[in-house]
Amino acid sequence: MQMAVAAWAGLAIGICACEGSTTPGAAAGPGHVTGADVGGTIGGGADAEPAAGTDAGASGNGVANFALSGTRLKVRILKSADGAMTPWGFFDSALGTDCSALTATDGQLRCLPLGASTGQFFADASCTIPAAIGPSGTKFATVGSTTPAGCALGTTSFAIYKTGDAVAVASLFQKSADKCAPIDSSYSKIYGCASAFTVGAEVAPTEFVALSTGTL
């Protein structure tokens, strides 16, 4: 399987949070992202679902209901001790994981889980079994690829794969040009409290909630 380097902004920061914390997805600006539920669910999850009644923006500064949870996507909020609230990303209650607004391989903006990084990691000495590195319990691997657009930056879309068997980070291999070699020992220090997984089957983009942009 030909794997592209994943663009997984912010995941590296949370990888070594060894207390089992999760990294919420990118915050959604008030009123700028809405979710449209789609059919299909895949798996459950251990990530905590936001408590009922946590919709942000019931009132305040003249803006009412600026961030509401849907039937599947739930709005995570950041709340201060004195009662201030702001949206802080999405939680996919069907998958049991946080997700962020990213373009899927079908060209649709969707709430995709922040999965493990594939990089150029492999689980075998022939570099034929793709592997990914991420927090323990990660259920998905995220693979990004950019389509060139002349002199423009191009469009980056993301494919989501299920994670497979757990493997030791120190036992991984990395492909450089045509050479397959054990990963540098520094990876064991950098990802000391992370886990590694084989990369399983790709998940159809329609399994993730579609998003659209708008203004208040």
N, C-alpha and C. Protein backbone atom coordinates (compact mmCIF):
# COMPACT_ATOMS: atom_id res chain seq x y z
N MET A 1 0.86 -1.20 0.00
CA MET A 1 0.00 0.00 0.00
C MET A 1 0.88 1.23 0.00
N GLN A 2 0.62 2.09 -0.92
CA GLN A 2 1.41 3.32 -0.98
C GLN A 2 0.82 4.31 0.00
N MET A 3 1.59 4.73 1.00
CA MET A 3 1.07 5.62 2.03
C MET A 3 1.72 6.98 1.92
N ALA A 4 0.95 8.04 2.03
CA ALA A 4 1.47 9.40 2.01
C ALA A 4 1.63 9.88 3.43
N VAL A 5 2.47 10.90 3.62
CA VAL A 5 2.72 11.44 4.95
C VAL A 5 1.48 12.15 5.46
N ALA A 6 1.06 11.84 6.67
CA ALA A 6 -0.15 12.47 7.22
C ALA A 6 0.15 13.85 7.73
N ALA A 7 -0.79 14.77 7.50
CA ALA A 7 -0.70 16.12 8.06
C ALA A 7 -1.57 16.13 9.28
N TRP A 8 -0.99 15.89 10.42
CA TRP A 8 -1.78 15.69 11.65
C TRP A 8 -1.42 16.75 12.64
N ALA A 9 -1.75 18.01 12.34
CA ALA A 9 -1.41 19.16 13.19
C ALA A 9 -1.93 18.96 14.60
N GLY A 10 -1.06 19.14 15.53
CA GLY A 10 -1.42 19.13 16.95
C GLY A 10 -1.36 17.75 17.58
N LEU A 11 -1.32 16.67 16.80
CA LEU A 11 -1.32 15.35 17.40
C LEU A 11 -0.05 15.06 18.15
N ALA A 12 1.10 15.51 17.63
CA ALA A 12 2.37 15.24 18.30
C ALA A 12 2.40 15.82 19.69
N ILE A 13 1.70 16.94 19.89
CA ILE A 13 1.68 17.57 21.21
C ILE A 13 1.01 16.67 22.22
N GLY A 14 -0.04 15.97 21.76
CA GLY A 14 -0.80 15.16 22.69
C GLY A 14 -0.34 13.73 22.81
N ILE A 15 0.60 13.28 21.94
CA ILE A 15 0.99 11.88 21.94
C ILE A 15 1.56 11.44 23.28
N CYS A 16 2.36 12.29 23.91
CA CYS A 16 3.02 11.88 25.15
C CYS A 16 2.29 12.38 26.38
N ALA A 17 1.01 12.60 26.28
CA ALA A 17 0.21 12.89 27.46
C ALA A 17 -0.18 11.55 28.05
N CYS A 18 0.70 10.98 28.83
CA CYS A 18 0.58 9.59 29.25
C CYS A 18 -0.51 9.35 30.28
N GLU A 19 -1.27 10.35 30.62
CA GLU A 19 -2.33 10.14 31.59
C GLU A 19 -3.62 9.71 30.92
N GLY A 20 -3.57 9.45 29.60
CA GLY A 20 -4.75 8.97 28.91
C GLY A 20 -5.65 10.08 28.43
N SER A 21 -5.15 11.32 28.37
CA SER A 21 -5.97 12.42 27.90
C SER A 21 -6.09 12.37 26.40
N THR A 22 -7.11 13.09 25.85
CA THR A 22 -7.28 13.15 24.42
C THR A 22 -7.11 14.56 23.95
N THR A 23 -6.77 14.70 22.68
CA THR A 23 -6.57 16.02 22.10
C THR A 23 -7.80 16.40 21.31
N PRO A 24 -8.60 17.37 21.77
CA PRO A 24 -9.79 17.75 21.03
C PRO A 24 -9.44 18.26 19.65
N GLY A 25 -10.43 18.19 18.74
CA GLY A 25 -10.22 18.67 17.39
C GLY A 25 -10.17 20.18 17.36
N ALA A 26 -9.87 20.70 16.20
CA ALA A 26 -9.73 22.14 16.05
C ALA A 26 -11.04 22.82 16.40
N ALA A 27 -10.95 23.93 17.10
CA ALA A 27 -12.14 24.62 17.55
C ALA A 27 -12.93 25.17 16.38
N ALA A 28 -14.25 25.09 16.48
CA ALA A 28 -15.12 25.62 15.44
C ALA A 28 -15.55 27.02 15.83
N GLY A 29 -15.29 27.99 14.98
CA GLY A 29 -15.68 29.36 15.26
C GLY A 29 -17.18 29.47 15.36
N PRO A 30 -17.69 30.34 16.22
CA PRO A 30 -19.12 30.47 16.42
C PRO A 30 -19.86 30.65 15.10
N GLY A 31 -20.79 29.71 14.84
CA GLY A 31 -21.65 29.83 13.68
C GLY A 31 -21.02 29.51 12.35
N HIS A 32 -19.76 29.13 12.33
CA HIS A 32 -19.08 28.97 11.04
C HIS A 32 -19.06 27.55 10.52
N VAL A 33 -19.42 26.56 11.33
CA VAL A 33 -19.45 25.20 10.84
C VAL A 33 -20.70 24.52 11.35
N THR A 34 -21.44 23.87 10.47
CA THR A 34 -22.62 23.13 10.88
C THR A 34 -22.50 21.71 10.38
N GLY A 35 -23.10 20.77 11.08
CA GLY A 35 -22.99 19.37 10.71
C GLY A 35 -24.27 18.84 10.10
N ALA A 36 -24.13 17.94 9.11
CA ALA A 36 -25.28 17.25 8.54
C ALA A 36 -25.07 15.77 8.76
N ASP A 37 -25.94 15.12 9.52
CA ASP A 37 -25.74 13.73 9.89
C ASP A 37 -25.80 12.84 8.66
N VAL A 38 -24.99 11.79 8.65
CA VAL A 38 -24.98 10.86 7.54
C VAL A 38 -25.20 9.47 8.08
N GLY A 39 -25.57 8.56 7.20
CA GLY A 39 -25.84 7.19 7.63
C GLY A 39 -24.56 6.44 7.89
N GLY A 40 -24.70 5.37 8.71
CA GLY A 40 -23.56 4.49 8.94
C GLY A 40 -22.81 4.84 10.20
N THR A 41 -22.46 3.83 10.98
CA THR A 41 -21.62 4.02 12.15
C THR A 41 -20.59 2.92 12.16
N ILE A 42 -19.42 3.20 12.71
CA ILE A 42 -18.37 2.19 12.77
C ILE A 42 -17.73 2.22 14.14
N GLY A 43 -18.01 1.22 14.92
CA GLY A 43 -17.33 1.06 16.20
C GLY A 43 -17.78 2.01 17.27
N GLY A 44 -17.42 1.69 18.48
CA GLY A 44 -17.66 2.57 19.60
C GLY A 44 -16.38 3.22 20.03
N GLY A 45 -16.26 3.60 21.29
CA GLY A 45 -15.02 4.22 21.74
C GLY A 45 -15.05 4.53 23.20
N ALA A 46 -13.85 4.73 23.77
CA ALA A 46 -13.74 4.98 25.19
C ALA A 46 -13.71 6.46 25.51
N ASP A 47 -13.56 7.31 24.49
CA ASP A 47 -13.50 8.74 24.75
C ASP A 47 -14.80 9.21 25.36
N ALA A 48 -14.70 10.08 26.35
CA ALA A 48 -15.88 10.53 27.06
C ALA A 48 -16.74 11.42 26.18
N GLU A 49 -18.04 11.11 26.13
CA GLU A 49 -18.97 11.94 25.38
C GLU A 49 -19.35 13.14 26.22
N PRO A 50 -19.46 14.31 25.60
CA PRO A 50 -19.85 15.50 26.36
C PRO A 50 -21.18 15.28 27.06
N ALA A 51 -21.28 15.79 28.26
CA ALA A 51 -22.49 15.62 29.05
C ALA A 51 -23.67 16.31 28.37
N ALA A 52 -24.87 15.78 28.62
CA ALA A 52 -26.07 16.38 28.05
C ALA A 52 -26.22 17.80 28.57
N GLY A 53 -26.80 18.65 27.71
CA GLY A 53 -27.06 20.01 28.14
C GLY A 53 -25.84 20.91 28.06
N THR A 54 -24.84 20.53 27.24
CA THR A 54 -23.63 21.35 27.17
C THR A 54 -23.56 22.16 25.88
N ASP A 55 -24.70 22.34 25.19
CA ASP A 55 -24.69 23.18 24.01
C ASP A 55 -24.23 24.58 24.38
N ALA A 56 -23.32 25.11 23.59
CA ALA A 56 -22.78 26.44 23.88
C ALA A 56 -23.67 27.51 23.30
N GLY A 57 -23.66 28.65 23.90
CA GLY A 57 -24.30 29.81 23.30
C GLY A 57 -25.78 29.93 23.51
N ALA A 58 -26.31 29.41 24.62
CA ALA A 58 -27.73 29.57 24.89
C ALA A 58 -28.10 31.04 24.91
N SER A 59 -27.19 31.86 25.42
CA SER A 59 -27.37 33.30 25.37
C SER A 59 -26.03 33.94 25.69
N GLY A 60 -25.90 35.22 25.37
CA GLY A 60 -24.66 35.91 25.70
C GLY A 60 -24.24 36.84 24.59
N ASN A 61 -24.03 38.08 24.95
CA ASN A 61 -23.58 39.09 23.99
C ASN A 61 -24.49 39.18 22.76
N GLY A 62 -25.77 38.91 22.95
CA GLY A 62 -26.73 39.06 21.86
C GLY A 62 -26.71 37.94 20.85
N VAL A 63 -25.89 36.90 21.04
CA VAL A 63 -25.83 35.78 20.11
C VAL A 63 -26.45 34.55 20.77
N ALA A 64 -27.55 34.06 20.23
CA ALA A 64 -28.24 32.92 20.82
C ALA A 64 -27.99 31.65 20.01
N ASN A 65 -27.77 30.55 20.72
CA ASN A 65 -27.63 29.24 20.09
C ASN A 65 -26.62 29.24 18.94
N PHE A 66 -25.44 29.82 19.16
CA PHE A 66 -24.48 29.90 18.08
C PHE A 66 -23.72 28.60 17.87
N ALA A 67 -23.82 27.65 18.78
CA ALA A 67 -23.16 26.36 18.60
C ALA A 67 -24.02 25.29 19.25
N LEU A 68 -24.65 24.47 18.45
CA LEU A 68 -25.57 23.45 18.95
C LEU A 68 -25.08 22.06 18.56
N SER A 69 -25.24 21.11 19.47
CA SER A 69 -24.92 19.73 19.15
C SER A 69 -25.98 19.17 18.20
N GLY A 70 -25.55 18.27 17.31
CA GLY A 70 -26.48 17.60 16.42
C GLY A 70 -26.86 16.24 16.97
N THR A 71 -27.48 15.43 16.14
CA THR A 71 -27.88 14.10 16.60
C THR A 71 -26.69 13.17 16.80
N ARG A 72 -25.62 13.44 16.07
CA ARG A 72 -24.42 12.61 16.16
C ARG A 72 -23.21 13.41 16.62
N LEU A 73 -22.96 14.56 15.98
CA LEU A 73 -21.84 15.40 16.40
C LEU A 73 -22.24 16.23 17.62
N LYS A 74 -21.41 16.18 18.64
CA LYS A 74 -21.64 16.96 19.84
C LYS A 74 -20.58 18.06 19.94
N VAL A 75 -21.00 19.24 20.33
CA VAL A 75 -20.07 20.36 20.46
C VAL A 75 -19.35 20.28 21.79
N ARG A 76 -18.04 20.24 21.75
CA ARG A 76 -17.26 20.34 22.99
C ARG A 76 -17.13 21.82 23.32
N ILE A 77 -17.18 22.14 24.60
CA ILE A 77 -17.05 23.53 25.00
C ILE A 77 -15.93 23.70 26.00
N LEU A 78 -15.37 24.89 26.02
CA LEU A 78 -14.39 25.30 27.02
C LEU A 78 -15.12 26.29 27.92
N LYS A 79 -15.17 26.01 29.20
CA LYS A 79 -15.96 26.81 30.12
C LYS A 79 -15.09 27.33 31.25
N SER A 80 -15.24 28.62 31.54
CA SER A 80 -14.46 29.23 32.63
C SER A 80 -15.20 29.11 33.95
N ALA A 81 -14.46 29.33 35.04
CA ALA A 81 -15.06 29.24 36.37
C ALA A 81 -16.14 30.29 36.59
N ASP A 82 -16.07 31.40 35.83
CA ASP A 82 -17.08 32.45 36.03
C ASP A 82 -18.22 32.38 35.01
N GLY A 83 -18.29 31.27 34.27
CA GLY A 83 -19.45 31.04 33.41
C GLY A 83 -19.27 31.32 31.94
N ALA A 84 -18.11 31.83 31.52
CA ALA A 84 -17.89 32.07 30.09
C ALA A 84 -17.74 30.74 29.36
N MET A 85 -18.23 30.66 28.12
CA MET A 85 -18.15 29.43 27.34
C MET A 85 -17.76 29.75 25.90
N THR A 86 -17.05 28.83 25.28
CA THR A 86 -16.74 28.95 23.86
C THR A 86 -16.65 27.55 23.26
N PRO A 87 -17.05 27.36 22.01
CA PRO A 87 -16.91 26.04 21.36
C PRO A 87 -15.46 25.62 21.31
N TRP A 88 -15.23 24.32 21.42
CA TRP A 88 -13.86 23.80 21.47
C TRP A 88 -13.73 22.51 20.67
N GLY A 89 -14.44 22.46 19.56
CA GLY A 89 -14.32 21.30 18.70
C GLY A 89 -15.55 20.40 18.72
N PHE A 90 -15.45 19.30 17.98
CA PHE A 90 -16.55 18.35 17.85
C PHE A 90 -16.18 16.99 18.45
N PHE A 91 -17.21 16.30 18.94
CA PHE A 91 -17.08 14.92 19.40
C PHE A 91 -18.07 14.08 18.60
N ASP A 92 -17.57 13.04 17.91
CA ASP A 92 -18.42 12.15 17.14
C ASP A 92 -18.93 11.05 18.06
N SER A 93 -20.21 11.15 18.44
CA SER A 93 -20.76 10.21 19.42
C SER A 93 -20.91 8.79 18.87
N ALA A 94 -20.97 8.65 17.54
CA ALA A 94 -21.08 7.32 16.95
C ALA A 94 -19.74 6.59 16.96
N LEU A 95 -18.66 7.34 16.79
CA LEU A 95 -17.32 6.75 16.77
C LEU A 95 -16.63 6.81 18.12
N GLY A 96 -17.15 7.67 19.03
CA GLY A 96 -16.53 7.80 20.34
C GLY A 96 -15.19 8.49 20.30
N THR A 97 -15.05 9.50 19.44
CA THR A 97 -13.77 10.17 19.31
C THR A 97 -13.96 11.61 18.88
N ASP A 98 -12.99 12.47 19.20
CA ASP A 98 -13.01 13.84 18.71
C ASP A 98 -12.72 13.84 17.21
N CYS A 99 -13.18 14.89 16.54
CA CYS A 99 -12.94 14.99 15.10
C CYS A 99 -12.78 16.45 14.72
N SER A 100 -12.20 16.68 13.56
CA SER A 100 -11.93 18.03 13.08
C SER A 100 -12.39 18.20 11.63
N ALA A 101 -12.63 19.44 11.25
CA ALA A 101 -13.08 19.74 9.90
C ALA A 101 -11.91 19.60 8.92
N LEU A 102 -11.96 18.57 8.09
CA LEU A 102 -10.93 18.30 7.10
C LEU A 102 -11.60 17.82 5.82
N THR A 103 -10.94 18.00 4.70
CA THR A 103 -11.48 17.54 3.43
C THR A 103 -11.18 16.05 3.26
N ALA A 104 -12.22 15.27 3.05
CA ALA A 104 -12.06 13.83 2.86
C ALA A 104 -11.69 13.52 1.41
N THR A 105 -11.44 12.26 1.11
CA THR A 105 -11.00 11.88 -0.23
C THR A 105 -12.10 12.04 -1.28
N ASP A 106 -13.35 12.22 -0.86
CA ASP A 106 -14.42 12.46 -1.82
C ASP A 106 -14.61 13.95 -2.10
N GLY A 107 -13.70 14.79 -1.56
CA GLY A 107 -13.77 16.22 -1.78
C GLY A 107 -14.72 16.96 -0.87
N GLN A 108 -15.42 16.24 0.01
CA GLN A 108 -16.38 16.84 0.93
C GLN A 108 -15.70 17.20 2.25
N LEU A 109 -16.04 18.38 2.78
CA LEU A 109 -15.57 18.74 4.11
C LEU A 109 -16.31 17.87 5.12
N ARG A 110 -15.58 17.16 5.96
CA ARG A 110 -16.18 16.23 6.93
C ARG A 110 -15.47 16.34 8.27
N CYS A 111 -16.13 15.83 9.30
CA CYS A 111 -15.51 15.80 10.62
C CYS A 111 -14.73 14.50 10.73
N LEU A 112 -13.42 14.58 10.50
CA LEU A 112 -12.57 13.40 10.48
C LEU A 112 -11.80 13.26 11.78
N PRO A 113 -11.65 12.03 12.27
CA PRO A 113 -10.90 11.83 13.51
C PRO A 113 -9.42 12.13 13.32
N LEU A 114 -8.80 12.68 14.36
CA LEU A 114 -7.36 12.91 14.33
C LEU A 114 -6.69 11.58 14.68
N GLY A 115 -6.26 10.88 13.65
CA GLY A 115 -5.73 9.54 13.87
C GLY A 115 -4.24 9.50 14.08
N ALA A 116 -3.72 8.28 14.16
CA ALA A 116 -2.29 8.08 14.31
C ALA A 116 -1.58 8.51 13.02
N SER A 117 -0.30 8.86 13.15
CA SER A 117 0.50 9.30 12.00
C SER A 117 1.13 8.10 11.31
N THR A 118 0.95 8.04 9.99
CA THR A 118 1.56 6.93 9.26
C THR A 118 3.01 7.21 8.92
N GLY A 119 3.31 8.45 8.51
CA GLY A 119 4.68 8.75 8.12
C GLY A 119 5.14 7.75 7.08
N GLN A 120 6.34 7.25 7.24
CA GLN A 120 6.85 6.18 6.38
C GLN A 120 7.24 5.01 7.25
N PHE A 121 6.38 4.69 8.21
CA PHE A 121 6.66 3.60 9.15
C PHE A 121 6.10 2.28 8.63
N PHE A 122 6.81 1.20 8.96
CA PHE A 122 6.38 -0.13 8.55
C PHE A 122 6.62 -1.11 9.70
N ALA A 123 5.86 -2.20 9.69
CA ALA A 123 5.94 -3.18 10.77
C ALA A 123 6.82 -4.37 10.42
N ASP A 124 7.37 -4.39 9.20
CA ASP A 124 8.19 -5.52 8.80
C ASP A 124 9.47 -5.05 8.14
N ALA A 125 10.46 -5.94 8.08
CA ALA A 125 11.79 -5.59 7.56
C ALA A 125 11.81 -5.39 6.05
N SER A 126 10.72 -5.74 5.37
CA SER A 126 10.64 -5.52 3.93
C SER A 126 9.89 -4.24 3.59
N CYS A 127 9.41 -3.55 4.63
CA CYS A 127 8.64 -2.30 4.46
C CYS A 127 7.44 -2.51 3.54
N THR A 128 6.68 -3.58 3.82
CA THR A 128 5.48 -3.86 3.04
C THR A 128 4.21 -3.76 3.88
N ILE A 129 4.34 -3.72 5.21
CA ILE A 129 3.17 -3.64 6.10
C ILE A 129 3.17 -2.25 6.74
N PRO A 130 2.32 -1.34 6.27
CA PRO A 130 2.30 0.02 6.81
C PRO A 130 1.95 0.03 8.30
N ALA A 131 2.56 0.96 9.02
CA ALA A 131 2.30 1.10 10.45
C ALA A 131 2.09 2.58 10.77
N ALA A 132 1.53 2.85 11.93
CA ALA A 132 1.25 4.22 12.36
C ALA A 132 1.60 4.35 13.83
N ILE A 133 1.91 5.58 14.24
CA ILE A 133 2.24 5.88 15.63
C ILE A 133 1.22 6.87 16.18
N GLY A 134 0.72 6.59 17.37
CA GLY A 134 -0.25 7.49 17.99
C GLY A 134 -0.47 7.13 19.44
N PRO A 135 -1.36 7.87 20.11
CA PRO A 135 -1.66 7.58 21.51
C PRO A 135 -2.23 6.17 21.68
N SER A 136 -2.04 5.59 22.83
CA SER A 136 -2.58 4.27 23.11
C SER A 136 -4.09 4.28 22.93
N GLY A 137 -4.62 3.26 22.28
CA GLY A 137 -6.05 3.17 22.08
C GLY A 137 -6.56 3.85 20.83
N THR A 138 -5.65 4.47 20.05
CA THR A 138 -6.06 5.14 18.81
C THR A 138 -6.74 4.14 17.88
N LYS A 139 -7.91 4.54 17.36
CA LYS A 139 -8.68 3.64 16.52
C LYS A 139 -8.53 3.91 15.03
N PHE A 140 -7.92 5.06 14.69
CA PHE A 140 -7.83 5.43 13.28
C PHE A 140 -6.43 5.94 12.95
N ALA A 141 -6.05 5.76 11.70
CA ALA A 141 -4.81 6.33 11.17
C ALA A 141 -5.18 7.30 10.07
N THR A 142 -4.58 8.49 10.09
CA THR A 142 -4.91 9.54 9.14
C THR A 142 -3.80 9.68 8.11
N VAL A 143 -4.18 9.66 6.84
CA VAL A 143 -3.20 9.77 5.76
C VAL A 143 -3.60 10.93 4.87
N GLY A 144 -2.71 11.92 4.73
CA GLY A 144 -3.00 13.08 3.91
C GLY A 144 -2.23 13.04 2.61
N SER A 145 -2.85 13.54 1.54
CA SER A 145 -2.16 13.65 0.25
C SER A 145 -2.57 14.95 -0.40
N THR A 146 -1.63 15.59 -1.07
CA THR A 146 -1.88 16.89 -1.70
C THR A 146 -1.92 16.75 -3.22
N THR A 147 -2.98 17.29 -3.80
CA THR A 147 -3.11 17.30 -5.25
C THR A 147 -2.57 18.62 -5.79
N PRO A 148 -1.50 18.60 -6.57
CA PRO A 148 -0.92 19.85 -7.08
C PRO A 148 -1.93 20.63 -7.92
N ALA A 149 -1.83 21.94 -7.86
CA ALA A 149 -2.73 22.79 -8.65
C ALA A 149 -1.91 23.89 -9.30
N GLY A 150 -1.04 23.52 -10.23
CA GLY A 150 -0.18 24.50 -10.88
C GLY A 150 0.75 25.14 -9.87
N CYS A 151 0.76 26.46 -9.84
CA CYS A 151 1.61 27.17 -8.91
C CYS A 151 0.95 27.35 -7.55
N ALA A 152 -0.31 26.93 -7.43
CA ALA A 152 -1.00 27.05 -6.16
C ALA A 152 -0.51 25.97 -5.20
N LEU A 153 -0.93 26.08 -3.96
CA LEU A 153 -0.49 25.12 -2.95
C LEU A 153 -1.14 23.77 -3.14
N GLY A 154 -2.24 23.72 -3.90
CA GLY A 154 -2.91 22.46 -4.11
C GLY A 154 -3.94 22.18 -3.02
N THR A 155 -4.60 21.05 -3.15
CA THR A 155 -5.65 20.67 -2.20
C THR A 155 -5.23 19.43 -1.45
N THR A 156 -5.31 19.48 -0.14
CA THR A 156 -4.96 18.33 0.68
C THR A 156 -6.23 17.63 1.12
N SER A 157 -6.31 16.35 0.86
CA SER A 157 -7.43 15.54 1.34
C SER A 157 -6.89 14.44 2.25
N PHE A 158 -7.78 13.92 3.07
CA PHE A 158 -7.35 12.96 4.08
C PHE A 158 -8.14 11.66 3.99
N ALA A 159 -7.40 10.56 3.99
CA ALA A 159 -8.01 9.23 4.04
C ALA A 159 -7.88 8.70 5.47
N ILE A 160 -8.89 8.01 5.92
CA ILE A 160 -8.90 7.47 7.28
C ILE A 160 -8.89 5.95 7.21
N TYR A 161 -7.99 5.36 7.96
CA TYR A 161 -7.87 3.91 8.02
C TYR A 161 -8.12 3.42 9.44
N LYS A 162 -8.60 2.21 9.58
CA LYS A 162 -8.69 1.60 10.90
C LYS A 162 -7.29 1.16 11.32
N THR A 163 -7.02 1.23 12.61
CA THR A 163 -5.76 0.69 13.10
C THR A 163 -5.91 -0.81 13.34
N GLY A 164 -4.80 -1.53 13.15
CA GLY A 164 -4.82 -2.97 13.32
C GLY A 164 -4.12 -3.41 14.59
N ASP A 165 -3.24 -4.39 14.46
CA ASP A 165 -2.54 -4.95 15.61
C ASP A 165 -1.54 -3.96 16.20
N ALA A 166 -1.40 -4.00 17.52
CA ALA A 166 -0.40 -3.16 18.20
C ALA A 166 0.98 -3.77 18.03
N VAL A 167 1.96 -2.90 17.78
CA VAL A 167 3.35 -3.34 17.67
C VAL A 167 4.22 -2.37 18.46
N ALA A 168 5.40 -2.81 18.85
CA ALA A 168 6.30 -1.95 19.63
C ALA A 168 6.91 -0.88 18.73
N VAL A 169 6.95 0.36 19.23
CA VAL A 169 7.53 1.45 18.44
C VAL A 169 8.97 1.12 18.05
N ALA A 170 9.73 0.56 19.00
CA ALA A 170 11.15 0.28 18.75
C ALA A 170 11.36 -0.78 17.66
N SER A 171 10.30 -1.55 17.35
CA SER A 171 10.45 -2.62 16.36
C SER A 171 10.09 -2.17 14.95
N LEU A 172 9.71 -0.91 14.77
CA LEU A 172 9.28 -0.43 13.46
C LEU A 172 10.46 -0.25 12.51
N PHE A 173 10.13 -0.19 11.23
CA PHE A 173 11.11 0.08 10.18
C PHE A 173 10.68 1.33 9.43
N GLN A 174 11.63 1.96 8.77
CA GLN A 174 11.34 3.17 8.01
C GLN A 174 11.99 3.07 6.65
N LYS A 175 11.25 3.51 5.63
CA LYS A 175 11.75 3.43 4.27
C LYS A 175 12.31 4.77 3.84
N SER A 176 13.54 4.75 3.34
CA SER A 176 14.19 5.95 2.84
C SER A 176 14.75 5.61 1.47
N ALA A 177 14.22 6.27 0.44
CA ALA A 177 14.56 5.91 -0.95
C ALA A 177 14.18 4.45 -1.16
N ASP A 178 15.13 3.61 -1.51
CA ASP A 178 14.82 2.19 -1.72
C ASP A 178 15.30 1.32 -0.57
N LYS A 179 15.68 1.96 0.53
CA LYS A 179 16.23 1.21 1.66
C LYS A 179 15.21 1.10 2.78
N CYS A 180 15.09 -0.11 3.34
CA CYS A 180 14.21 -0.36 4.49
C CYS A 180 15.10 -0.69 5.68
N ALA A 181 15.02 0.12 6.71
CA ALA A 181 15.92 -0.06 7.86
C ALA A 181 15.16 0.18 9.16
N PRO A 182 15.66 -0.38 10.27
CA PRO A 182 15.02 -0.12 11.57
C PRO A 182 15.00 1.37 11.85
N ILE A 183 13.98 1.84 12.52
CA ILE A 183 13.89 3.27 12.83
C ILE A 183 15.01 3.68 13.77
N ASP A 184 15.36 4.93 13.70
CA ASP A 184 16.41 5.46 14.56
C ASP A 184 15.99 5.34 16.02
N SER A 185 16.94 5.09 16.88
CA SER A 185 16.65 4.91 18.31
C SER A 185 16.02 6.16 18.93
N SER A 186 16.22 7.31 18.29
CA SER A 186 15.65 8.54 18.83
C SER A 186 14.12 8.51 18.83
N TYR A 187 13.52 7.71 17.93
CA TYR A 187 12.07 7.61 17.88
C TYR A 187 11.51 7.04 19.18
N SER A 188 12.25 6.12 19.77
CA SER A 188 11.78 5.52 21.02
C SER A 188 11.73 6.55 22.13
N LYS A 189 12.60 7.56 22.06
CA LYS A 189 12.58 8.62 23.05
C LYS A 189 11.48 9.64 22.73
N ILE A 190 11.38 10.00 21.45
CA ILE A 190 10.38 10.98 21.05
C ILE A 190 8.97 10.45 21.30
N TYR A 191 8.75 9.18 20.93
CA TYR A 191 7.44 8.57 21.08
C TYR A 191 7.43 7.56 22.22
N GLY A 192 8.13 7.90 23.28
CA GLY A 192 8.30 6.95 24.38
C GLY A 192 7.02 6.42 24.99
N CYS A 193 5.99 7.26 25.06
CA CYS A 193 4.74 6.79 25.66
C CYS A 193 3.64 6.64 24.62
N ALA A 194 4.03 6.57 23.35
CA ALA A 194 3.04 6.35 22.28
C ALA A 194 2.96 4.87 21.97
N SER A 195 2.03 4.54 21.11
CA SER A 195 1.86 3.16 20.66
C SER A 195 1.97 3.11 19.15
N ALA A 196 2.27 1.95 18.63
CA ALA A 196 2.34 1.76 17.18
C ALA A 196 1.33 0.68 16.79
N PHE A 197 0.80 0.82 15.57
CA PHE A 197 -0.22 -0.09 15.09
C PHE A 197 0.02 -0.39 13.61
N THR A 198 -0.41 -1.57 13.18
CA THR A 198 -0.45 -1.81 11.75
C THR A 198 -1.66 -1.02 11.20
N VAL A 199 -1.62 -0.71 9.93
CA VAL A 199 -2.70 0.05 9.30
C VAL A 199 -3.65 -0.90 8.62
N GLY A 200 -4.93 -0.82 9.00
CA GLY A 200 -5.93 -1.73 8.46
C GLY A 200 -6.65 -1.18 7.25
N ALA A 201 -7.91 -1.54 7.12
CA ALA A 201 -8.70 -1.17 5.95
C ALA A 201 -9.08 0.30 5.97
N GLU A 202 -9.21 0.89 4.78
CA GLU A 202 -9.64 2.28 4.69
C GLU A 202 -11.13 2.38 5.01
N VAL A 203 -11.49 3.44 5.69
CA VAL A 203 -12.88 3.70 6.05
C VAL A 203 -13.49 4.61 4.98
N ALA A 204 -14.64 4.27 4.46
CA ALA A 204 -15.29 5.08 3.43
C ALA A 204 -15.57 6.47 3.98
N PRO A 205 -15.29 7.52 3.21
CA PRO A 205 -15.51 8.89 3.70
C PRO A 205 -16.95 9.17 4.10
N THR A 206 -17.90 8.46 3.49
CA THR A 206 -19.30 8.69 3.83
C THR A 206 -19.66 8.22 5.23
N GLU A 207 -18.73 7.53 5.90
CA GLU A 207 -18.96 7.11 7.28
C GLU A 207 -18.77 8.27 8.25
N PHE A 208 -18.26 9.40 7.76
CA PHE A 208 -18.01 10.55 8.62
C PHE A 208 -18.99 11.67 8.30
N VAL A 209 -19.32 12.46 9.31
CA VAL A 209 -20.34 13.48 9.17
C VAL A 209 -19.88 14.60 8.24
N ALA A 210 -20.75 14.95 7.28
CA ALA A 210 -20.46 16.03 6.34
C ALA A 210 -20.64 17.38 7.02
N LEU A 211 -19.82 18.35 6.62
CA LEU A 211 -19.88 19.70 7.17
C LEU A 211 -20.07 20.70 6.05
N SER A 212 -20.58 21.86 6.41
CA SER A 212 -20.66 22.96 5.46
C SER A 212 -20.33 24.26 6.19
N THR A 213 -19.89 25.25 5.45
CA THR A 213 -19.55 26.52 6.07
C THR A 213 -20.66 27.53 5.89
N GLY A 214 -20.68 28.52 6.75
CA GLY A 214 -21.70 29.56 6.67
C GLY A 214 -21.34 30.71 7.57
N THR A 215 -22.19 31.68 7.64
CA THR A 215 -21.98 32.84 8.53
C THR A 215 -23.27 33.13 9.28
N LEU A 216 -23.15 33.83 10.39
CA LEU A 216 -24.32 34.24 11.17
C LEU A 216 -24.98 35.43 10.50
